[in-house]
Each structure stands twice: as C-alpha cells, then as structure tokens.
Amino acid sequence: MKIQARLANDEDAAMVDGWMRRRGKLAWDPRTLPPTGVVMEVDGVPCAAAWLFVTDGYCGVGFLHNLATNPDVSAVRRMAAARGLMDVMRDIGLQNGCHIILGGIRDKRLLKTARRLGWMAGDEMETPVFLKI
C-alpha cells in the first residue's frame, strides 16, 4: 500500500461531509475549516481526513477536527490512513507551535490507534459541546 498525505481542498470538505453524514454524524460548514486540513490517500484513494485548528503561538493549543474515514474502503486501509493522518496532524501542530492537541474520537478502533501513537484519552464521561452561531 502506498500511503500519501496531501492538503485538503474545498472538494475534500464536501467529501468528508458525505462520509460523516453516511455515519449519522455532523460535519462543520466548509467555510469554517482552517487551511490546515489533510487528506490521506492509500493507492490514490482518499481514505481519511482531518483539520487542525491552531491557536496563536502564545498558548500553543491545536484542535483536531472532523477526523473521518472513508466508509467505502476496507478497515485495513482506513486504519492505515488514520495512523498516518494522526502523525501528520502531530507534525503540523509542532510546526505551528502547539504543545498540545485536543480533539474527540468516538470510533473505538480509531481511539485504539490513537492510543498506540501516544495520544491520550480524556474523561470518557465528558461530552464535547459546541455552539453554532
């Protein structure tokens, strides 16, 4: 398998929205996504994507958003792409002065993958909240 990262574009935001809707999840309005989006391709097929909101260098916090995988590809390809994506998100965070990246993962397999890569799970009783204005 050839796994490759590329920057996300407007069409990718729509693609990820489709992946999330098929899973009954809500994606954000593409107009609100930062330029730090990445799509991981396996053998040229988009398999995973995410965006990283980066605060100014003063507080060094990044927010992982819309981590999603393509429901039309095998679990092996999705997880391989997700592993690569989490590494790329870490690298983008480091390049932008982040000391910590916060985010949410609900899928148990993705959470297991994240833990293997050094990500830590927070309080599982906490529910992420947001206000769309």
Protein backbone atom coordinates (compact mmCIF):
# COMPACT_ATOMS: atom_id res chain seq x y z
CA MET A 1 0.00 0.00 0.00
CA LYS A 2 1.22 3.48 -0.88
CA ILE A 3 0.05 5.98 1.74
CA GLN A 4 0.37 9.65 0.89
CA ALA A 5 -0.73 12.91 2.55
CA ARG A 6 -1.96 15.97 0.69
CA LEU A 7 -3.51 19.26 1.71
CA ALA A 8 -7.29 19.27 1.76
CA ASN A 9 -9.27 21.49 -0.61
CA ASP A 10 -12.90 22.65 -0.85
CA GLU A 11 -13.99 19.47 -2.63
CA ASP A 12 -12.46 17.39 0.16
CA ALA A 13 -14.59 19.20 2.75
CA ALA A 14 -17.70 18.16 0.82
CA MET A 15 -16.38 14.60 0.50
CA VAL A 16 -15.75 14.34 4.26
CA ASP A 17 -19.18 15.82 4.96
CA GLY A 18 -20.62 12.95 2.90
CA TRP A 19 -18.58 10.35 4.82
CA MET A 20 -19.80 11.77 8.13
CA ARG A 21 -23.44 12.08 7.10
CA ARG A 22 -23.44 8.44 5.96
CA ARG A 23 -22.39 7.58 9.51
CA GLY A 24 -25.07 9.81 11.00
CA LYS A 25 -22.58 12.43 12.20
CA LEU A 26 -22.45 16.16 11.77
CA ALA A 27 -19.61 17.83 9.87
CA TRP A 28 -18.84 21.52 10.03
CA ASP A 29 -19.65 24.08 7.42
CA PRO A 30 -16.68 24.06 4.98
CA ARG A 31 -16.43 27.85 5.32
CA THR A 32 -15.27 27.40 8.92
CA LEU A 33 -12.44 24.97 8.23
CA PRO A 34 -8.83 26.15 8.56
CA PRO A 35 -6.21 25.74 5.81
CA THR A 36 -4.50 23.01 7.87
CA GLY A 37 -6.62 20.16 6.51
CA VAL A 38 -5.03 16.92 5.33
CA VAL A 39 -6.33 14.02 3.27
CA MET A 40 -4.55 10.68 3.46
CA GLU A 41 -4.72 8.60 0.32
CA VAL A 42 -3.99 4.91 0.03
CA ASP A 43 -3.06 3.92 -3.51
CA GLY A 44 -4.54 7.22 -4.74
CA VAL A 45 -7.91 6.79 -2.98
CA PRO A 46 -8.88 9.22 -0.19
CA CYS A 47 -9.20 7.13 2.97
CA ALA A 48 -9.02 9.57 5.91
CA ALA A 49 -9.06 13.31 6.53
CA ALA A 50 -8.90 15.85 9.35
CA TRP A 51 -8.36 19.54 10.01
CA LEU A 52 -6.28 21.16 12.72
CA PHE A 53 -7.30 24.50 14.19
CA VAL A 54 -4.17 26.18 15.52
CA THR A 55 -4.20 28.96 18.10
CA ASP A 56 -1.60 31.69 18.10
CA GLY A 57 1.88 30.70 19.24
CA TYR A 58 1.25 32.24 22.64
CA CYS A 59 -0.86 29.42 24.10
CA GLY A 60 0.25 26.60 21.79
CA VAL A 61 -3.01 24.65 21.53
CA GLY A 62 -4.32 22.85 18.47
CA PHE A 63 -7.80 21.43 17.99
CA LEU A 64 -8.21 18.31 15.86
CA HIS A 65 -11.48 18.44 13.94
CA ASN A 66 -13.52 16.25 11.61
CA LEU A 67 -11.25 13.22 11.80
CA ALA A 68 -13.12 10.97 9.41
CA THR A 69 -12.52 7.85 7.36
CA ASN A 70 -13.96 6.73 4.05
CA PRO A 71 -16.71 4.14 4.64
CA ASP A 72 -16.21 2.73 1.13
CA VAL A 73 -12.72 1.34 1.72
CA SER A 74 -11.56 -1.60 3.82
CA ALA A 75 -10.93 -1.25 7.55
CA VAL A 76 -7.25 -2.05 6.93
CA ARG A 77 -6.90 0.90 4.54
CA ARG A 78 -8.91 3.23 6.79
CA MET A 79 -6.77 2.45 9.84
CA ALA A 80 -3.50 2.72 7.89
CA ALA A 81 -4.59 6.12 6.62
CA ALA A 82 -5.75 7.20 10.09
CA ARG A 83 -2.37 6.27 11.61
CA GLY A 84 -0.57 8.34 9.01
CA LEU A 85 -3.04 11.19 9.46
CA MET A 86 -2.53 11.34 13.22
CA ASP A 87 1.23 11.53 12.69
CA VAL A 88 0.80 14.33 10.13
CA MET A 89 -1.52 16.25 12.48
CA ARG A 90 1.12 15.99 15.21
CA ASP A 91 3.76 17.32 12.79
CA ILE A 92 1.53 20.23 11.71
CA GLY A 93 0.91 21.03 15.38
CA LEU A 94 4.64 21.05 16.12
CA GLN A 95 5.35 23.27 13.11
CA ASN A 96 2.72 25.73 14.38
CA GLY A 97 3.98 25.93 17.96
CA CYS A 98 1.44 23.60 19.55
CA HIS A 99 2.27 21.99 22.87
CA ILE A 100 -0.96 20.02 22.98
CA ILE A 101 -3.62 18.94 20.51
CA LEU A 102 -7.16 18.47 21.76
CA GLY A 103 -9.84 16.61 19.87
CA GLY A 104 -12.51 13.98 20.02
CA ILE A 105 -12.60 10.43 18.71
CA ARG A 106 -15.72 8.32 19.10
CA ASP A 107 -14.82 5.32 16.98
CA LYS A 108 -13.30 2.65 19.25
CA ARG A 109 -10.84 1.43 16.59
CA LEU A 110 -9.62 4.96 15.89
CA LEU A 111 -9.24 5.57 19.61
CA LYS A 112 -7.16 2.39 19.98
CA THR A 113 -4.98 3.50 17.06
CA ALA A 114 -4.55 6.96 18.59
CA ARG A 115 -3.52 5.50 21.94
CA ARG A 116 -0.87 3.36 20.25
CA LEU A 117 0.55 6.53 18.71
CA GLY A 118 0.83 8.29 22.07
CA TRP A 119 -2.48 10.18 22.13
CA MET A 120 -4.24 10.08 25.49
CA ALA A 121 -7.95 9.66 26.09
CA GLY A 122 -9.60 12.18 28.35
CA ASP A 123 -12.59 11.62 30.58
CA GLU A 124 -14.93 9.33 28.68
CA MET A 125 -17.88 10.76 30.58
CA GLU A 126 -17.26 14.22 29.13
CA THR A 127 -19.28 15.16 26.09
CA PRO A 128 -17.83 17.64 23.62
CA VAL A 129 -20.10 20.64 23.12
CA PHE A 130 -20.18 23.40 20.54
CA LEU A 131 -22.29 26.42 19.75
CA LYS A 132 -23.03 27.18 16.13
CA ILE A 133 -23.63 30.90 15.75
